[in-house]
PDB file of N, CA and C in Angstrom:
ATOM      1  N   MET A   1      58.588  81.536 172.682  1.00  0.00           N
ATOM      2  CA  MET A   1      57.897  80.787 171.659  1.00  0.00           C
ATOM      3  C   MET A   1      58.367  79.317 171.664  1.00  0.00           C
ATOM      4  N   GLY A   2      59.525  79.134 172.243  1.00  0.00           N
ATOM      5  CA  GLY A   2      60.067  77.705 172.366  1.00  0.00           C
ATOM      6  C   GLY A   2      61.544  77.583 172.335  1.00  0.00           C
ATOM      7  N   LEU A   3      62.089  76.439 172.423  1.00  0.00           N
ATOM      8  CA  LEU A   3      63.501  76.114 172.360  1.00  0.00           C
ATOM      9  C   LEU A   3      64.020  76.462 170.952  1.00  0.00           C
ATOM     10  N   SER A   4      65.218  77.020 170.913  1.00  0.00           N
ATOM     11  CA  SER A   4      65.833  77.193 169.578  1.00  0.00           C
ATOM     12  C   SER A   4      66.680  75.990 169.203  1.00  0.00           C
ATOM     13  N   PHE A   5      67.008  75.145 170.147  1.00  0.00           N
ATOM     14  CA  PHE A   5      67.645  73.866 169.971  1.00  0.00           C
ATOM     15  C   PHE A   5      67.529  73.043 171.219  1.00  0.00           C
ATOM     16  N   GLU A   6      67.724  71.765 171.062  1.00  0.00           N
ATOM     17  CA  GLU A   6      67.623  70.852 172.229  1.00  0.00           C
ATOM     18  C   GLU A   6      68.768  71.182 173.156  1.00  0.00           C
ATOM     19  N   THR A   7      68.466  71.251 174.473  1.00  0.00           N
ATOM     20  CA  THR A   7      69.517  71.544 175.484  1.00  0.00           C
ATOM     21  C   THR A   7      70.626  70.519 175.393  1.00  0.00           C
ATOM     22  N   ILE A   8      71.833  71.039 175.478  1.00  0.00           N
ATOM     23  CA  ILE A   8      73.048  70.158 175.518  1.00  0.00           C
ATOM     24  C   ILE A   8      73.515  70.095 176.940  1.00  0.00           C
ATOM     25  N   SER A   9      73.629  68.920 177.498  1.00  0.00           N
ATOM     26  CA  SER A   9      74.123  68.687 178.803  1.00  0.00           C
ATOM     27  C   SER A   9      75.248  67.629 178.760  1.00  0.00           C
ATOM     28  N   SER A  10      76.460  68.009 179.107  1.00  0.00           N
ATOM     29  CA  SER A  10      77.562  67.096 178.907  1.00  0.00           C
ATOM     30  C   SER A  10      78.625  67.245 179.971  1.00  0.00           C
ATOM     31  N   VAL A  11      79.338  66.174 180.178  1.00  0.00           N
ATOM     32  CA  VAL A  11      80.397  66.074 181.175  1.00  0.00           C
ATOM     33  C   VAL A  11      81.725  65.668 180.561  1.00  0.00           C
ATOM     34  N   GLY A  12      82.782  66.292 181.001  1.00  0.00           N
ATOM     35  CA  GLY A  12      84.158  65.920 180.563  1.00  0.00           C
ATOM     36  C   GLY A  12      84.348  66.241 179.068  1.00  0.00           C
ATOM     37  N   SER A  13      85.000  65.334 178.396  1.00  0.00           N
ATOM     38  CA  SER A  13      85.331  65.510 177.007  1.00  0.00           C
ATOM     39  C   SER A  13      84.126  65.611 176.107  1.00  0.00           C
ATOM     40  N   ASN A  14      82.957  65.139 176.544  1.00  0.00           N
ATOM     41  CA  ASN A  14      81.755  65.271 175.745  1.00  0.00           C
ATOM     42  C   ASN A  14      81.334  66.725 175.491  1.00  0.00           C
ATOM     43  N   GLY A  15      81.802  67.589 176.382  1.00  0.00           N
ATOM     44  CA  GLY A  15      81.517  68.983 176.233  1.00  0.00           C
ATOM     45  C   GLY A  15      82.174  69.606 174.988  1.00  0.00           C
ATOM     46  N   ALA A  16      83.187  68.933 174.475  1.00  0.00           N
ATOM     47  CA  ALA A  16      83.875  69.486 173.307  1.00  0.00           C
ATOM     48  C   ALA A  16      83.291  69.034 171.996  1.00  0.00           C
ATOM     49  N   ILE A  17      82.269  68.154 172.083  1.00  0.00           N
ATOM     50  CA  ILE A  17      81.577  67.635 170.868  1.00  0.00           C
ATOM     51  C   ILE A  17      80.453  68.627 170.491  1.00  0.00           C
ATOM     52  N   ILE A  18      80.484  69.141 169.292  1.00  0.00           N
ATOM     53  CA  ILE A  18      79.510  70.098 168.905  1.00  0.00           C
ATOM     54  C   ILE A  18      78.121  69.397 168.778  1.00  0.00           C
ATOM     55  N   HIS A  19      77.111  70.013 169.309  1.00  0.00           N
ATOM     56  CA  HIS A  19      75.764  69.487 169.332  1.00  0.00           C
ATOM     57  C   HIS A  19      75.646  68.118 169.974  1.00  0.00           C
ATOM     58  N   TYR A  20      76.447  67.873 171.014  1.00  0.00           N
ATOM     59  CA  TYR A  20      76.473  66.596 171.692  1.00  0.00           C
ATOM     60  C   TYR A  20      75.075  66.225 172.241  1.00  0.00           C
ATOM     61  N   LYS A  21      74.722  64.994 172.070  1.00  0.00           N
ATOM     62  CA  LYS A  21      73.431  64.512 172.572  1.00  0.00           C
ATOM     63  C   LYS A  21      73.771  63.205 173.372  1.00  0.00           C
ATOM     64  N   PRO A  22      73.452  63.136 174.591  1.00  0.00           N
ATOM     65  CA  PRO A  22      73.792  61.960 175.374  1.00  0.00           C
ATOM     66  C   PRO A  22      73.053  60.697 174.868  1.00  0.00           C
ATOM     67  N   GLU A  23      73.839  59.648 174.655  1.00  0.00           N
ATOM     68  CA  GLU A  23      73.423  58.346 174.244  1.00  0.00           C
ATOM     69  C   GLU A  23      73.817  57.366 175.329  1.00  0.00           C
ATOM     70  N   PRO A  24      73.164  56.234 175.482  1.00  0.00           N
ATOM     71  CA  PRO A  24      73.555  55.255 176.543  1.00  0.00           C
ATOM     72  C   PRO A  24      75.052  54.895 176.396  1.00  0.00           C
ATOM     73  N   GLU A  25      75.585  54.867 175.188  1.00  0.00           N
ATOM     74  CA  GLU A  25      76.932  54.401 175.013  1.00  0.00           C
ATOM     75  C   GLU A  25      77.991  55.517 175.328  1.00  0.00           C
ATOM     76  N   THR A  26      77.550  56.814 175.323  1.00  0.00           N
ATOM     77  CA  THR A  26      78.534  57.881 175.449  1.00  0.00           C
ATOM     78  C   THR A  26      78.257  58.702 176.703  1.00  0.00           C
ATOM     79  N   ALA A  27      77.065  58.693 177.329  1.00  0.00           N
ATOM     80  CA  ALA A  27      76.721  59.516 178.398  1.00  0.00           C
ATOM     81  C   ALA A  27      77.678  59.255 179.603  1.00  0.00           C
ATOM     82  N   ARG A  28      77.949  60.298 180.317  1.00  0.00           N
ATOM     83  CA  ARG A  28      78.802  60.179 181.574  1.00  0.00           C
ATOM     84  C   ARG A  28      78.010  60.735 182.774  1.00  0.00           C
ATOM     85  N   GLN A  29      78.313  60.187 183.930  1.00  0.00           N
ATOM     86  CA  GLN A  29      77.797  60.660 185.136  1.00  0.00           C
ATOM     87  C   GLN A  29      78.476  61.960 185.508  1.00  0.00           C
ATOM     88  N   LEU A  30      77.760  62.859 186.269  1.00  0.00           N
ATOM     89  CA  LEU A  30      78.419  64.061 186.784  1.00  0.00           C
ATOM     90  C   LEU A  30      79.567  63.606 187.702  1.00  0.00           C
ATOM     91  N   ASP A  31      80.640  64.302 187.606  1.00  0.00           N
ATOM     92  CA  ASP A  31      81.868  63.937 188.279  1.00  0.00           C
ATOM     93  C   ASP A  31      82.461  65.230 188.828  1.00  0.00           C
ATOM     94  N   LEU A  32      82.799  65.239 190.166  1.00  0.00           N
ATOM     95  CA  LEU A  32      83.405  66.364 190.760  1.00  0.00           C
ATOM     96  C   LEU A  32      84.727  66.866 190.113  1.00  0.00           C
ATOM     97  N   ASN A  33      85.374  65.977 189.381  1.00  0.00           N
ATOM     98  CA  ASN A  33      86.693  66.223 188.826  1.00  0.00           C
ATOM     99  C   ASN A  33      86.638  66.524 187.321  1.00  0.00           C
ATOM    100  N   GLN A  34      85.439  66.686 186.781  1.00  0.00           N
ATOM    101  CA  GLN A  34      85.331  67.005 185.376  1.00  0.00           C
ATOM    102  C   GLN A  34      84.455  68.250 185.143  1.00  0.00           C
ATOM    103  N   VAL A  35      84.668  68.886 184.085  1.00  0.00           N
ATOM    104  CA  VAL A  35      83.825  70.084 183.692  1.00  0.00           C
ATOM    105  C   VAL A  35      82.425  69.600 183.208  1.00  0.00           C
ATOM    106  N   TYR A  36      81.423  70.412 183.635  1.00  0.00           N
ATOM    107  CA  TYR A  36      80.018  70.125 183.232  1.00  0.00           C
ATOM    108  C   TYR A  36      79.631  71.347 182.339  1.00  0.00           C
ATOM    109  N   LEU A  37      79.053  71.026 181.161  1.00  0.00           N
ATOM    110  CA  LEU A  37      78.633  72.106 180.258  1.00  0.00           C
ATOM    111  C   LEU A  37      77.111  71.977 180.025  1.00  0.00           C
ATOM    112  N   CYS A  38      76.422  73.129 180.150  1.00  0.00           N
ATOM    113  CA  CYS A  38      75.002  73.169 179.848  1.00  0.00           C
ATOM    114  C   CYS A  38      74.806  74.260 178.797  1.00  0.00           C
ATOM    115  N   ASP A  39      74.261  73.941 177.680  1.00  0.00           N
ATOM    116  CA  ASP A  39      74.032  74.866 176.548  1.00  0.00           C
ATOM    117  C   ASP A  39      72.616  74.816 176.198  1.00  0.00           C
ATOM    118  N   SER A  40      71.886  75.947 176.319  1.00  0.00           N
ATOM    119  CA  SER A  40      70.414  75.921 175.973  1.00  0.00           C
ATOM    120  C   SER A  40      70.124  77.223 175.229  1.00  0.00           C
ATOM    121  N   GLY A  41      69.018  77.183 174.542  1.00  0.00           N
ATOM    122  CA  GLY A  41      68.621  78.317 173.726  1.00  0.00           C
ATOM    123  C   GLY A  41      67.111  78.421 173.625  1.00  0.00           C
ATOM    124  N   ALA A  42      66.605  79.645 173.358  1.00  0.00           N
ATOM    125  CA  ALA A  42      65.226  79.863 173.230  1.00  0.00           C
ATOM    126  C   ALA A  42      64.971  80.784 172.116  1.00  0.00           C
ATOM    127  N   GLN A  43      63.771  80.625 171.474  1.00  0.00           N
ATOM    128  CA  GLN A  43      63.340  81.457 170.378  1.00  0.00           C
ATOM    129  C   GLN A  43      62.226  82.338 170.902  1.00  0.00           C
ATOM    130  N   TYR A  44      62.420  83.631 170.791  1.00  0.00           N
ATOM    131  CA  TYR A  44      61.420  84.588 171.160  1.00  0.00           C
ATOM    132  C   TYR A  44      60.900  85.345 169.897  1.00  0.00           C
ATOM    133  N   LYS A  45      59.815  86.101 170.098  1.00  0.00           N
ATOM    134  CA  LYS A  45      59.234  86.790 168.988  1.00  0.00           C
ATOM    135  C   LYS A  45      60.252  87.723 168.263  1.00  0.00           C
ATOM    136  N   ASP A  46      61.072  88.351 169.123  1.00  0.00           N
ATOM    137  CA  ASP A  46      62.044  89.367 168.569  1.00  0.00           C
ATOM    138  C   ASP A  46      63.446  88.879 168.481  1.00  0.00           C
ATOM    139  N   GLY A  47      63.703  87.586 168.677  1.00  0.00           N
ATOM    140  CA  GLY A  47      65.102  87.154 168.573  1.00  0.00           C
ATOM    141  C   GLY A  47      65.347  85.782 169.253  1.00  0.00           C
ATOM    142  N   THR A  48      66.587  85.346 169.147  1.00  0.00           N
ATOM    143  CA  THR A  48      66.948  84.057 169.656  1.00  0.00           C
ATOM    144  C   THR A  48      68.123  84.263 170.655  1.00  0.00           C
ATOM    145  N   ILE A  49      68.115  83.415 171.698  1.00  0.00           N
ATOM    146  CA  ILE A  49      69.231  83.496 172.679  1.00  0.00           C
ATOM    147  C   ILE A  49      69.896  82.144 172.676  1.00  0.00           C
ATOM    148  N   ASP A  50      71.157  82.131 173.083  1.00  0.00           N
ATOM    149  CA  ASP A  50      71.923  80.894 173.312  1.00  0.00           C
ATOM    150  C   ASP A  50      72.730  81.113 174.566  1.00  0.00           C
ATOM    151  N   THR A  51      72.496  80.344 175.586  1.00  0.00           N
ATOM    152  CA  THR A  51      73.118  80.504 176.886  1.00  0.00           C
ATOM    153  C   THR A  51      73.933  79.299 177.159  1.00  0.00           C
ATOM    154  N   THR A  52      75.258  79.459 177.272  1.00  0.00           N
ATOM    155  CA  THR A  52      76.159  78.372 177.543  1.00  0.00           C
ATOM    156  C   THR A  52      76.786  78.606 178.938  1.00  0.00           C
ATOM    157  N   ARG A  53      76.764  77.598 179.797  1.00  0.00           N
ATOM    158  CA  ARG A  53      77.416  77.701 181.107  1.00  0.00           C
ATOM    159  C   ARG A  53      78.337  76.515 181.306  1.00  0.00           C
ATOM    160  N   THR A  54      79.548  76.800 181.815  1.00  0.00           N
ATOM    161  CA  THR A  54      80.537  75.781 182.126  1.00  0.00           C
ATOM    162  C   THR A  54      80.743  75.861 183.618  1.00  0.00           C
ATOM    163  N   MET A  55      80.625  74.638 184.260  1.00  0.00           N
ATOM    164  CA  MET A  55      80.692  74.596 185.678  1.00  0.00           C
ATOM    165  C   MET A  55      81.666  73.503 186.111  1.00  0.00           C
ATOM    166  N   PHE A  56      82.222  73.698 187.310  1.00  0.00           N
ATOM    167  CA  PHE A  56      83.131  72.650 187.899  1.00  0.00           C
ATOM    168  C   PHE A  56      82.742  72.636 189.350  1.00  0.00           C
ATOM    169  N   PHE A  57      82.419  71.397 189.852  1.00  0.00           N
ATOM    170  CA  PHE A  57      81.909  71.246 191.210  1.00  0.00           C
ATOM    171  C   PHE A  57      82.932  70.880 192.200  1.00  0.00           C
ATOM    172  N   GLY A  58      84.093  70.455 191.729  1.00  0.00           N
ATOM    173  CA  GLY A  58      85.174  70.135 192.672  1.00  0.00           C
ATOM    174  C   GLY A  58      86.311  71.094 192.733  1.00  0.00           C
ATOM    175  N   GLN A  59      87.500  70.714 192.930  1.00  0.00           N
ATOM    176  CA  GLN A  59      88.705  71.551 192.979  1.00  0.00           C
ATOM    177  C   GLN A  59      89.404  71.497 191.612  1.00  0.00           C
ATOM    178  N   PRO A  60      89.335  72.522 190.785  1.00  0.00           N
ATOM    179  CA  PRO A  60      89.954  72.394 189.491  1.00  0.00           C
ATOM    180  C   PRO A  60      91.490  72.462 189.540  1.00  0.00           C
ATOM    181  N   SER A  61      92.091  71.745 188.577  1.00  0.00           N
ATOM    182  CA  SER A  61      93.601  71.737 188.473  1.00  0.00           C
ATOM    183  C   SER A  61      94.053  73.110 188.054  1.00  0.00           C
ATOM    184  N   ASP A  62      95.324  73.368 188.213  1.00  0.00           N
ATOM    185  CA  ASP A  62      95.938  74.612 187.776  1.00  0.00           C
ATOM    186  C   ASP A  62      95.710  74.744 186.240  1.00  0.00           C
ATOM    187  N   TYR A  63      95.930  73.636 185.529  1.00  0.00           N
ATOM    188  CA  TYR A  63      95.748  73.657 184.063  1.00  0.00           C
ATOM    189  C   TYR A  63      94.318  74.069 183.703  1.00  0.00           C
ATOM    190  N   LEU A  64      93.285  73.480 184.354  1.00  0.00           N
ATOM    191  CA  LEU A  64      91.919  73.794 184.056  1.00  0.00           C
ATOM    192  C   LEU A  64      91.603  75.238 184.356  1.00  0.00           C
ATOM    193  N   ARG A  65      92.131  75.681 185.504  1.00  0.00           N
ATOM    194  CA  ARG A  65      91.895  77.087 185.878  1.00  0.00           C
ATOM    195  C   ARG A  65      92.540  78.030 184.893  1.00  0.00           C
ATOM    196  N   ASP A  66      93.729  77.753 184.388  1.00  0.00           N
ATOM    197  CA  ASP A  66      94.324  78.518 183.365  1.00  0.00           C
ATOM    198  C   ASP A  66      93.495  78.562 182.052  1.00  0.00           C
ATOM    199  N   CYS A  67      93.044  77.418 181.608  1.00  0.00           N
ATOM    200  CA  CYS A  67      92.187  77.345 180.450  1.00  0.00           C
ATOM    201  C   CYS A  67      90.976  78.206 180.555  1.00  0.00           C
ATOM    202  N   TYR A  68      90.267  78.054 181.732  1.00  0.00           N
ATOM    203  CA  TYR A  68      89.031  78.745 181.967  1.00  0.00           C
ATOM    204  C   TYR A  68      89.358  80.306 181.957  1.00  0.00           C
ATOM    205  N   THR A  69      90.454  80.679 182.593  1.00  0.00           N
ATOM    206  CA  THR A  69      90.797  82.089 182.633  1.00  0.00           C
ATOM    207  C   THR A  69      91.063  82.639 181.277  1.00  0.00           C
ATOM    208  N   ARG A  70      91.716  81.898 180.426  1.00  0.00           N
ATOM    209  CA  ARG A  70      92.046  82.346 179.097  1.00  0.00           C
ATOM    210  C   ARG A  70      90.763  82.553 178.236  1.00  0.00           C
ATOM    211  N   VAL A  71      89.791  81.663 178.390  1.00  0.00           N
ATOM    212  CA  VAL A  71      88.514  81.804 177.653  1.00  0.00           C
ATOM    213  C   VAL A  71      87.801  83.028 178.172  1.00  0.00           C
ATOM    214  N   LEU A  72      87.787  83.222 179.473  1.00  0.00           N
ATOM    215  CA  LEU A  72      87.157  84.408 180.094  1.00  0.00           C
ATOM    216  C   LEU A  72      87.793  85.670 179.590  1.00  0.00           C
ATOM    217  N   LEU A  73      89.084  85.743 179.491  1.00  0.00           N
ATOM    218  CA  LEU A  73      89.740  86.872 178.938  1.00  0.00           C
ATOM    219  C   LEU A  73      89.373  87.177 177.498  1.00  0.00           C
ATOM    220  N   GLY A  74      89.140  86.157 176.743  1.00  0.00           N
ATOM    221  CA  GLY A  74      88.677  86.318 175.317  1.00  0.00           C
ATOM    222  C   GLY A  74      87.251  86.922 175.321  1.00  0.00           C
ATOM    223  N   VAL A  75      86.382  86.476 176.187  1.00  0.00           N
ATOM    224  CA  VAL A  75      85.015  86.978 176.300  1.00  0.00           C
ATOM    225  C   VAL A  75      85.015  88.448 176.657  1.00  0.00           C
ATOM    226  N   LEU A  76      85.878  88.759 177.697  1.00  0.00           N
ATOM    227  CA  LEU A  76      85.999  90.158 178.166  1.00  0.00           C
ATOM    228  C   LEU A  76      86.615  91.056 177.046  1.00  0.00           C
ATOM    229  N   GLU A  77      87.497  90.537 176.276  1.00  0.00           N
ATOM    230  CA  GLU A  77      88.038  91.247 175.133  1.00  0.00           C
ATOM    231  C   GLU A  77      86.961  91.663 174.141  1.00  0.00           C
ATOM    232  N   LEU A  78      86.047  90.776 173.851  1.00  0.00           N
ATOM    233  CA  LEU A  78      84.925  91.046 172.922  1.00  0.00           C
ATOM    234  C   LEU A  78      83.975  92.045 173.528  1.00  0.00           C
ATOM    235  N   GLU A  79      83.799  91.996 174.885  1.00  0.00           N
ATOM    236  CA  GLU A  79      82.884  92.927 175.504  1.00  0.00           C
ATOM    237  C   GLU A  79      83.369  94.360 175.546  1.00  0.00           C
ATOM    238  N   THR A  80      84.745  94.540 175.532  1.00  0.00           N
ATOM    239  CA  THR A  80      85.245  95.835 175.751  1.00  0.00           C
ATOM    240  C   THR A  80      85.785  96.541 174.453  1.00  0.00           C
ATOM    241  N   VAL A  81      85.738  95.783 173.343  1.00  0.00           N
ATOM    242  CA  VAL A  81      86.244  96.346 172.074  1.00  0.00           C
ATOM    243  C   VAL A  81      85.356  97.504 171.643  1.00  0.00           C
ATOM    244  N   LYS A  82      85.954  98.479 171.038  1.00  0.00           N
ATOM    245  CA  LYS A  82      85.146  99.594 170.437  1.00  0.00           C
ATOM    246  C   LYS A  82      84.866  99.271 168.952  1.00  0.00           C
ATOM    247  N   TRP A  83      83.626  98.960 168.692  1.00  0.00           N
ATOM    248  CA  TRP A  83      83.299  98.503 167.311  1.00  0.00           C
ATOM    249  C   TRP A  83      83.129  99.693 166.418  1.00  0.00           C
ATOM    250  N   PRO A  84      83.570  99.625 165.180  1.00  0.00           N
ATOM    251  CA  PRO A  84      83.338 100.700 164.214  1.00  0.00           C
ATOM    252  C   PRO A  84      81.843 100.745 163.865  1.00  0.00           C
ATOM    253  N   LYS A  85      81.409 101.842 163.393  1.00  0.00           N
ATOM    254  CA  LYS A  85      79.966 102.012 163.039  1.00  0.00           C
ATOM    255  C   LYS A  85      79.594 101.339 161.742  1.00  0.00           C
ATOM    256  N   VAL A  86      80.641 100.932 160.970  1.00  0.00           N
ATOM    257  CA  VAL A  86      80.418 100.263 159.712  1.00  0.00           C
ATOM    258  C   VAL A  86      80.073  98.797 159.997  1.00  0.00           C
ATOM    259  N   ASN A  87      79.019  98.278 159.345  1.00  0.00           N
ATOM    260  CA  ASN A  87      78.612  96.904 159.556  1.00  0.00           C
ATOM    261  C   ASN A  87      79.369  95.922 158.636  1.00  0.00           C
ATOM    262  N   ARG A  88      80.633  96.014 158.624  1.00  0.00           N
ATOM    263  CA  ARG A  88      81.457  95.106 157.780  1.00  0.00           C
ATOM    264  C   ARG A  88      82.412  94.260 158.592  1.00  0.00           C
ATOM    265  N   ILE A  89      81.980  93.813 159.747  1.00  0.00           N
ATOM    266  CA  ILE A  89      82.801  93.001 160.527  1.00  0.00           C
ATOM    267  C   ILE A  89      82.393  91.515 160.389  1.00  0.00           C
ATOM    268  N   SER A  90      83.412  90.738 160.059  1.00  0.00           N
ATOM    269  CA  SER A  90      83.100  89.310 159.808  1.00  0.00           C
ATOM    270  C   SER A  90      83.360  88.480 161.093  1.00  0.00           C
ATOM    271  N   GLY A  91      82.882  87.237 161.049  1.00  0.00           N
ATOM    272  CA  GLY A  91      83.186  86.305 162.171  1.00  0.00           C
ATOM    273  C   GLY A  91      84.654  86.140 162.395  1.00  0.00           C
ATOM    274  N   ALA A  92      85.462  86.155 161.325  1.00  0.00           N
ATOM    275  CA  ALA A  92      86.927  86.034 161.463  1.00  0.00           C
ATOM    276  C   ALA A  92      87.470  87.209 162.238  1.00  0.00           C
ATOM    277  N   ASP A  93      86.927  88.409 162.039  1.00  0.00           N
ATOM    278  CA  ASP A  93      87.382  89.588 162.712  1.00  0.00           C
ATOM    279  C   ASP A  93      87.219  89.433 164.193  1.00  0.00           C
ATOM    280  N   VAL A  94      86.085  88.930 164.571  1.00  0.00           N
ATOM    281  CA  VAL A  94      85.712  88.791 165.976  1.00  0.00           C
ATOM    282  C   VAL A  94      86.442  87.563 166.615  1.00  0.00           C
ATOM    283  N   ASP A  95      86.579  86.472 165.885  1.00  0.00           N
ATOM    284  CA  ASP A  95      87.167  85.309 166.351  1.00  0.00           C
ATOM    285  C   ASP A  95      88.668  85.514 166.847  1.00  0.00           C
ATOM    286  N   ILE A  96      89.354  86.251 166.025  1.00  0.00           N
ATOM    287  CA  ILE A  96      90.770  86.498 166.412  1.00  0.00           C
ATOM    288  C   ILE A  96      90.882  87.275 167.723  1.00  0.00           C
ATOM    289  N   LEU A  97      89.960  88.140 168.006  1.00  0.00           N
ATOM    290  CA  LEU A  97      90.021  88.876 169.266  1.00  0.00           C
ATOM    291  C   LEU A  97      89.807  87.885 170.471  1.00  0.00           C
ATOM    292  N   ALA A  98      88.885  86.969 170.303  1.00  0.00           N
ATOM    293  CA  ALA A  98      88.587  86.039 171.382  1.00  0.00           C
ATOM    294  C   ALA A  98      89.678  85.047 171.585  1.00  0.00           C
ATOM    295  N   ARG A  99      90.334  84.571 170.472  1.00  0.00           N
ATOM    296  CA  ARG A  99      91.326  83.504 170.523  1.00  0.00           C
ATOM    297  C   ARG A  99      92.738  83.978 170.920  1.00  0.00           C
ATOM    298  N   LYS A 100      92.964  85.310 170.881  1.00  0.00           N
ATOM    299  CA  LYS A 100      94.366  85.729 171.131  1.00  0.00           C
ATOM    300  C   LYS A 100      94.871  85.283 172.471  1.00  0.00           C
ATOM    301  N   TRP A 101      94.001  85.085 173.442  1.00  0.00           N
ATOM    302  CA  TRP A 101      94.415  84.670 174.761  1.00  0.00           C
ATOM    303  C   TRP A 101      94.726  83.179 174.808  1.00  0.00           C
ATOM    304  N   LEU A 102      94.403  82.450 173.762  1.00  0.00           N
ATOM    305  CA  LEU A 102      94.743  80.957 173.730  1.00  0.00           C
ATOM    306  C   LEU A 102      96.074  80.697 173.158  1.00  0.00           C
ATOM    307  N   TRP A 103      96.697  81.728 172.560  1.00  0.00           N
ATOM    308  CA  TRP A 103      97.991  81.468 171.852  1.00  0.00           C
ATOM    309  C   TRP A 103      99.104  81.679 172.864  1.00  0.00           C
TER     310      TRP A 103
END
């Protein structure tokens, strides 16, 4: 049916800005030594999707590799948890599972 939001394309620290939109003053060129983030979404008849991809085109530092791995572990934690049948799970309940790898 269409986009659910305008695609977000950002490089480096701009990727940390929520709903970032490139402007001439803030836009950055793609750089082999910085993270590239692409976040896009679409609205369909039966639902909405949000697809976020983080890419690195050069050789990441050990620190960046560790950060990426910790976020991945949080995602895997959410994918493998056994959810109760009761629909009383809040965002905070889910958030703590994903963030435990960051502490």
